[in-house]
Amino acid sequence: MEKIIASVIVPAFNAEKTIRQCVKALEAQIFSKEFEIIVVDDGSSDKTSEIAKSFSKVRLLQQKNAGPALARNNGAKKARGEIIIFTDSDCEPKKNWLEEMLKPFSNKGVAGVQGTYKCRQKELVARLIQLEIESSYARMAKQKFIDFIGSYSAAYRKSVFEKLGGFDTSFPIASGEDTDFSFRVHEAGYKMVFRPEANVYHTHPTSLRKYFKIKFFRAFWRTKVYKSHKGKMIKDSYTSQTIKLQLVLFCLFIASLSLPLFGFGWIYTATIFALLFLTGIPFAFWAAKKDLAVGIVFPFIAIPRTVLFSTGFVLGTIRQVTGK
């Protein structure tokens, strides 16, 4: 039997609407060597397992609902490949995705690889989300090595994954367990690289309500990551420094609302608000070159986004400090 080079692991929870397209795309990969597809059903109550079992190339694992971190870890334990590759059940990898994800591993010093999202959607909010992600990719592309890998398109040497204990299962949902693990890989001295040619298509939220909700919870759970990786609060490969500046300015803005009570004018509050608004302009100009409509509306979306993100970060910090 030919040696299995890679194991593609897909955690899935109530994914009957998307898992079929995901597995079809994996089976259609243009790759000459042997690889396996492992779907880990995380206690679904729909037809996820039934659909996954209908594909002859799929190895199906099942577990009680415990979250994607444990699902990925369980898939990795059963993986026979030297390289373990993760994607999500709502992703559709391009035909050359696997090949591109594996290319960097020809360098024995590389322990991890980050691929990218692509989007076919026409809705304004989805286009905004994609451009926000692409702005982070632009930063990562300038770096020889990175410290951040998202699990929607992630690859690791299995030996490194096992040595570092896999994903932290104390993350109950998809909430930063992939960020935490990539930070641990980086802090252990291993090298990771960005591979922009390795693409998976993904469907982003289309409503502002869902967009703001994601920002809130992303900030809320990022505090758990920072609790273990305090140095990453300053800088990492993926996160924009502007977001951190906006967080600081928003906190200053809230504090400045009390200044009139002490005899100070509203000029200070207005100045901080103006600075907060202006922090969204550079991204707006960058986005406008790619999508004019997104560039025009972004400065107005940036303020409520900052409010929700900052609130999530503050509440998350309180939770981490108090343990509640």
Protein backbone atom coordinates (compact mmCIF):
# COMPACT_ATOMS: atom_id res chain seq x y z
CA MET A 1 0.00 0.00 0.00
CA GLU A 2 1.31 3.45 -0.93
CA LYS A 3 2.42 5.54 2.02
CA ILE A 4 -0.12 8.18 3.06
CA ILE A 5 1.49 11.59 2.83
CA ALA A 6 -1.26 13.72 4.33
CA SER A 7 -4.43 13.42 6.37
CA VAL A 8 -7.13 16.04 5.84
CA ILE A 9 -9.26 16.45 8.98
CA VAL A 10 -12.70 18.07 8.88
CA PRO A 11 -14.57 18.66 12.17
CA ALA A 12 -18.31 18.85 11.55
CA PHE A 13 -21.31 19.76 13.69
CA ASN A 14 -24.80 19.83 12.16
CA ALA A 15 -23.14 20.46 8.81
CA GLU A 16 -25.58 18.67 6.50
CA LYS A 17 -25.96 21.80 4.35
CA THR A 18 -22.24 22.15 3.61
CA ILE A 19 -20.36 18.91 4.27
CA ARG A 20 -21.23 17.36 0.90
CA GLN A 21 -19.61 20.18 -1.09
CA CYS A 22 -16.61 20.20 1.23
CA VAL A 23 -15.92 16.48 0.76
CA LYS A 24 -16.59 16.63 -2.98
CA ALA A 25 -13.96 19.35 -3.26
CA LEU A 26 -11.50 17.26 -1.25
CA GLU A 27 -12.08 14.18 -3.39
CA ALA A 28 -11.49 16.30 -6.50
CA GLN A 29 -8.02 17.42 -5.40
CA ILE A 30 -5.32 17.33 -8.05
CA PHE A 31 -2.71 15.41 -6.09
CA SER A 32 -0.74 12.42 -7.34
CA LYS A 33 0.18 10.91 -3.98
CA GLU A 34 -1.92 9.11 -1.41
CA PHE A 35 -3.91 11.10 1.16
CA GLU A 36 -6.88 10.44 3.40
CA ILE A 37 -10.00 12.39 4.39
CA ILE A 38 -11.17 12.15 8.00
CA VAL A 39 -14.52 13.68 8.97
CA VAL A 40 -15.10 13.96 12.71
CA ASP A 41 -18.79 14.32 13.56
CA ASP A 42 -18.99 16.35 16.76
CA GLY A 43 -22.29 14.95 18.01
CA SER A 44 -24.48 16.21 15.17
CA SER A 45 -28.25 15.78 15.37
CA ASP A 46 -28.77 16.09 11.60
CA LYS A 47 -27.60 14.00 8.63
CA THR A 48 -23.93 15.02 8.77
CA SER A 49 -22.66 11.49 9.46
CA GLU A 50 -24.99 9.94 6.91
CA ILE A 51 -23.75 12.26 4.19
CA ALA A 52 -20.08 11.80 5.14
CA LYS A 53 -20.45 7.99 5.07
CA SER A 54 -21.78 8.17 1.52
CA PHE A 55 -18.28 9.05 0.28
CA SER A 56 -16.01 6.07 -0.20
CA LYS A 57 -12.82 8.02 0.55
CA VAL A 58 -14.03 9.35 3.91
CA ARG A 59 -13.04 7.87 7.25
CA LEU A 60 -15.81 8.87 9.63
CA LEU A 61 -15.19 9.35 13.35
CA GLN A 62 -17.94 10.23 15.79
CA GLN A 63 -17.88 11.78 19.25
CA LYS A 64 -20.27 13.34 21.72
CA ASN A 65 -20.58 17.08 21.19
CA ALA A 66 -17.47 18.62 22.73
CA GLY A 67 -16.37 21.32 20.30
CA PRO A 68 -14.04 21.54 17.29
CA ALA A 69 -10.81 21.49 19.32
CA LEU A 70 -11.43 17.95 20.58
CA ALA A 71 -12.81 16.89 17.19
CA ARG A 72 -9.61 17.96 15.47
CA ASN A 73 -7.47 16.32 18.15
CA ASN A 74 -9.36 13.04 17.78
CA GLY A 75 -8.95 13.20 14.02
CA ALA A 76 -5.23 13.82 14.42
CA LYS A 77 -4.86 10.80 16.72
CA LYS A 78 -6.28 8.54 14.02
CA ALA A 79 -4.44 10.22 11.14
CA ARG A 80 -1.94 8.11 9.23
CA GLY A 81 -0.31 10.95 7.33
CA GLU A 82 2.98 12.62 8.18
CA ILE A 83 1.27 15.97 7.64
CA ILE A 84 -2.14 16.73 9.14
CA ILE A 85 -4.23 19.34 7.37
CA PHE A 86 -7.34 21.00 8.72
CA THR A 87 -10.24 22.68 6.99
CA ASP A 88 -13.81 23.37 8.08
CA SER A 89 -17.03 21.70 7.02
CA ASP A 90 -18.30 24.94 5.46
CA CYS A 91 -15.20 25.36 3.31
CA GLU A 92 -14.72 24.25 -0.29
CA PRO A 93 -11.03 23.81 -1.17
CA LYS A 94 -9.86 24.62 -4.68
CA LYS A 95 -8.55 21.68 -6.70
CA ASN A 96 -4.89 22.56 -6.08
CA TRP A 97 -5.36 23.36 -2.37
CA LEU A 98 -3.80 20.20 -0.98
CA GLU A 99 -0.83 20.38 -3.35
CA GLU A 100 -0.17 24.00 -2.42
CA MET A 101 -0.55 23.36 1.32
CA LEU A 102 2.07 20.63 1.15
CA LYS A 103 4.69 22.39 -0.98
CA PRO A 104 6.33 24.34 1.88
CA PHE A 105 6.98 21.10 3.78
CA SER A 106 9.70 20.23 1.27
CA ASN A 107 11.71 22.47 3.59
CA LYS A 108 12.27 20.26 6.62
CA GLY A 109 12.47 23.35 8.83
CA VAL A 110 8.84 24.23 8.20
CA ALA A 111 6.39 22.92 10.81
CA GLY A 112 3.18 24.73 9.86
CA VAL A 113 1.43 26.32 6.87
CA GLN A 114 -1.42 28.83 6.62
CA GLY A 115 -3.66 28.89 3.55
CA THR A 116 -6.31 31.46 2.63
CA TYR A 117 -10.00 32.18 2.32
CA LYS A 118 -11.62 33.03 -1.01
CA CYS A 119 -15.17 34.31 -1.40
CA ARG A 120 -17.67 34.23 -4.28
CA GLN A 121 -20.37 36.27 -2.54
CA LYS A 122 -21.84 39.53 -3.81
CA GLU A 123 -23.39 40.87 -0.57
CA LEU A 124 -21.74 44.03 0.79
CA VAL A 125 -21.09 42.70 4.32
CA ALA A 126 -19.52 39.50 2.97
CA ARG A 127 -17.28 41.54 0.68
CA LEU A 128 -16.25 43.71 3.63
CA ILE A 129 -15.34 40.67 5.72
CA GLN A 130 -13.30 39.21 2.87
CA LEU A 131 -11.38 42.46 2.41
CA GLU A 132 -10.67 42.69 6.14
CA ILE A 133 -9.22 39.19 5.98
CA GLU A 134 -7.24 40.03 2.84
CA SER A 135 -5.71 43.06 4.56
CA SER A 136 -4.30 40.66 7.16
CA TYR A 137 -3.05 38.38 4.39
CA ALA A 138 -1.24 41.36 2.88
CA ARG A 139 0.66 41.79 6.15
CA MET A 140 1.46 38.10 6.41
CA ALA A 141 2.72 37.96 2.82
CA LYS A 142 5.49 40.41 3.75
CA GLN A 143 6.84 38.10 6.45
CA LYS A 144 9.17 35.19 5.85
CA PHE A 145 7.76 33.36 8.88
CA ILE A 146 4.46 33.84 10.70
CA ASP A 147 3.09 33.08 14.18
CA PHE A 148 -0.62 32.78 13.34
CA ILE A 149 -2.54 29.98 11.60
CA GLY A 150 -6.32 29.70 11.30
CA SER A 151 -7.72 26.17 11.22
CA TYR A 152 -9.90 26.68 8.14
CA SER A 153 -6.77 26.12 6.03
CA ALA A 154 -4.01 24.87 8.30
CA ALA A 155 -1.30 22.23 8.08
CA TYR A 156 1.18 20.91 10.63
CA ARG A 157 3.72 18.15 10.85
CA LYS A 158 2.00 15.48 12.90
CA SER A 159 5.08 15.00 15.07
CA VAL A 160 5.00 18.68 16.10
CA PHE A 161 1.23 18.62 16.65
CA GLU A 162 1.51 15.63 18.98
CA LYS A 163 4.57 16.98 20.80
CA LEU A 164 2.73 20.20 21.68
CA GLY A 165 -0.46 18.44 22.71
CA GLY A 166 -2.78 19.61 19.94
CA PHE A 167 -5.57 22.12 20.39
CA ASP A 168 -6.58 23.30 23.86
CA THR A 169 -9.98 21.69 24.52
CA SER A 170 -10.83 24.23 27.22
CA PHE A 171 -11.99 26.41 24.32
CA PRO A 172 -15.63 25.24 24.21
CA ILE A 173 -16.45 26.49 20.72
CA ALA A 174 -14.52 27.75 17.69
CA SER A 175 -13.16 30.64 19.69
CA GLY A 176 -9.39 30.95 19.35
CA GLU A 177 -8.11 27.43 19.91
CA ASP A 178 -6.36 27.58 16.54
CA THR A 179 -4.75 30.92 17.37
CA ASP A 180 -3.59 29.57 20.73
CA PHE A 181 -2.01 26.50 19.14
CA SER A 182 -0.18 28.44 16.44
CA PHE A 183 1.19 30.79 19.10
CA ARG A 184 2.43 27.76 21.02
CA VAL A 185 4.11 26.39 17.90
CA HIS A 186 5.84 29.72 17.33
CA GLU A 187 6.90 30.08 20.97
CA ALA A 188 8.37 26.55 20.85
CA GLY A 189 10.72 27.75 18.13
CA TYR A 190 9.16 26.09 15.09
CA LYS A 191 8.83 27.86 11.75
CA MET A 192 5.48 28.48 10.04
CA VAL A 193 4.84 30.05 6.65
CA PHE A 194 2.02 31.71 4.74
CA ARG A 195 0.90 30.06 1.49
CA PRO A 196 -1.46 32.45 -0.37
CA GLU A 197 -1.83 30.00 -3.27
CA ALA A 198 -3.66 27.46 -1.03
CA ASN A 199 -7.28 28.62 -1.20
CA VAL A 200 -10.58 27.46 0.25
CA TYR A 201 -13.88 29.09 -0.67
CA HIS A 202 -15.99 30.17 2.30
CA THR A 203 -19.39 31.76 2.84
CA HIS A 204 -19.21 34.79 5.12
CA PRO A 205 -22.12 36.32 7.08
CA THR A 206 -24.24 38.75 5.06
CA SER A 207 -25.94 40.77 7.82
CA LEU A 208 -24.43 43.54 9.94
CA ARG A 209 -26.00 41.97 13.02
CA LYS A 210 -24.05 38.72 12.50
CA TYR A 211 -20.92 40.68 11.56
CA PHE A 212 -21.01 42.68 14.80
CA LYS A 213 -21.80 39.56 16.84
CA ILE A 214 -18.72 37.84 15.44
CA LYS A 215 -16.55 40.85 16.30
CA PHE A 216 -17.87 40.85 19.87
CA PHE A 217 -17.21 37.17 20.52
CA ARG A 218 -13.88 37.17 18.71
CA ALA A 219 -12.65 39.89 21.07
CA PHE A 220 -14.26 38.18 24.07
CA TRP A 221 -12.42 34.89 23.48
CA ARG A 222 -9.17 36.48 22.33
CA THR A 223 -8.63 37.53 25.95
CA LYS A 224 -8.37 33.83 26.85
CA VAL A 225 -5.63 33.47 24.24
CA TYR A 226 -3.80 36.53 25.56
CA LYS A 227 -3.95 35.18 29.09
CA SER A 228 -1.54 32.44 28.00
CA HIS A 229 0.36 34.51 25.43
CA LYS A 230 0.70 37.98 26.89
CA GLY A 231 3.44 38.98 24.46
CA LYS A 232 1.05 38.56 21.54
CA MET A 233 -1.05 41.43 22.87
CA ILE A 234 1.61 43.70 21.45
CA LYS A 235 1.93 42.18 17.99
CA ASP A 236 1.29 39.08 15.93
CA SER A 237 1.44 38.22 12.23
CA TYR A 238 -2.29 38.57 11.59
CA THR A 239 -3.87 41.22 13.80
CA SER A 240 -3.95 44.84 12.67
CA GLN A 241 -2.32 47.32 15.05
CA THR A 242 -5.10 49.73 14.11
CA ILE A 243 -7.64 47.56 15.91
CA LYS A 244 -5.61 47.88 19.11
CA LEU A 245 -5.38 51.65 18.66
CA GLN A 246 -9.15 51.79 18.18
CA LEU A 247 -9.64 49.81 21.38
CA VAL A 248 -7.51 52.30 23.32
CA LEU A 249 -9.24 55.32 21.78
CA PHE A 250 -12.68 53.91 22.52
CA CYS A 251 -11.77 53.40 26.19
CA LEU A 252 -10.45 56.98 26.30
CA PHE A 253 -13.65 58.21 24.66
CA ILE A 254 -15.81 56.50 27.31
CA ALA A 255 -13.63 57.95 30.06
CA SER A 256 -13.82 61.43 28.50
CA LEU A 257 -17.62 61.48 28.79
CA SER A 258 -17.19 62.29 32.47
CA LEU A 259 -14.88 65.27 31.86
CA PRO A 260 -17.67 67.90 31.73
CA LEU A 261 -18.54 66.92 35.31
CA PHE A 262 -15.12 68.23 36.33
CA GLY A 263 -15.34 71.47 34.43
CA PHE A 264 -13.75 70.39 31.16
CA GLY A 265 -15.42 71.10 27.84
CA TRP A 266 -16.68 68.61 25.28
CA ILE A 267 -13.76 69.47 23.00
CA TYR A 268 -11.69 66.62 24.44
CA THR A 269 -14.45 64.08 23.88
CA ALA A 270 -15.05 65.36 20.35
CA THR A 271 -11.33 65.20 19.56
CA ILE A 272 -11.03 61.59 20.69
CA PHE A 273 -14.13 60.65 18.71
CA ALA A 274 -12.70 62.34 15.62
CA LEU A 275 -9.44 60.43 16.03
CA LEU A 276 -11.38 57.20 16.40
CA PHE A 277 -13.27 57.92 13.19
CA LEU A 278 -10.06 58.78 11.33
CA THR A 279 -8.44 55.45 12.24
CA GLY A 280 -10.82 53.77 9.80
CA ILE A 281 -9.81 55.95 6.85
CA PRO A 282 -6.58 54.12 5.81
CA PHE A 283 -8.40 50.80 5.46
CA ALA A 284 -11.28 52.55 3.69
CA PHE A 285 -8.89 53.92 1.04
CA TRP A 286 -7.19 50.54 0.65
CA ALA A 287 -10.54 48.77 0.34
CA ALA A 288 -11.91 51.35 -2.10
CA LYS A 289 -9.20 50.45 -4.58
CA LYS A 290 -10.55 46.89 -4.60
CA ASP A 291 -14.24 47.54 -3.93
CA LEU A 292 -15.46 51.15 -3.99
CA ALA A 293 -18.72 50.48 -2.13
CA VAL A 294 -16.92 48.81 0.78
CA GLY A 295 -14.46 51.68 1.00
CA ILE A 296 -17.27 54.25 1.17
CA VAL A 297 -19.32 52.56 3.91
CA PHE A 298 -16.48 51.26 6.08
CA PRO A 299 -15.74 54.44 8.10
CA PHE A 300 -19.36 54.42 9.29
CA ILE A 301 -19.32 50.71 10.11
CA ALA A 302 -15.97 51.05 11.90
CA ILE A 303 -17.42 52.95 14.87
CA PRO A 304 -20.11 50.41 15.91
CA ARG A 305 -17.63 47.63 15.12
CA THR A 306 -15.16 49.19 17.55
CA VAL A 307 -17.89 49.55 20.19
CA LEU A 308 -18.80 45.84 19.97
CA PHE A 309 -15.19 44.69 19.73
CA SER A 310 -14.11 46.81 22.70
CA THR A 311 -17.09 45.70 24.79
CA GLY A 312 -16.28 42.08 24.04
CA PHE A 313 -12.64 42.61 24.95
CA VAL A 314 -13.47 44.33 28.26
CA LEU A 315 -16.02 41.67 29.28
CA GLY A 316 -13.62 38.92 28.22
CA THR A 317 -10.85 40.47 30.29
CA ILE A 318 -13.14 40.64 33.31
CA ARG A 319 -14.02 36.98 32.81
CA GLN A 320 -10.37 35.96 32.63
CA VAL A 321 -9.45 38.00 35.71
CA THR A 322 -12.38 36.85 37.87
CA GLY A 323 -12.64 33.33 36.49
CA LYS A 324 -16.39 33.75 35.98
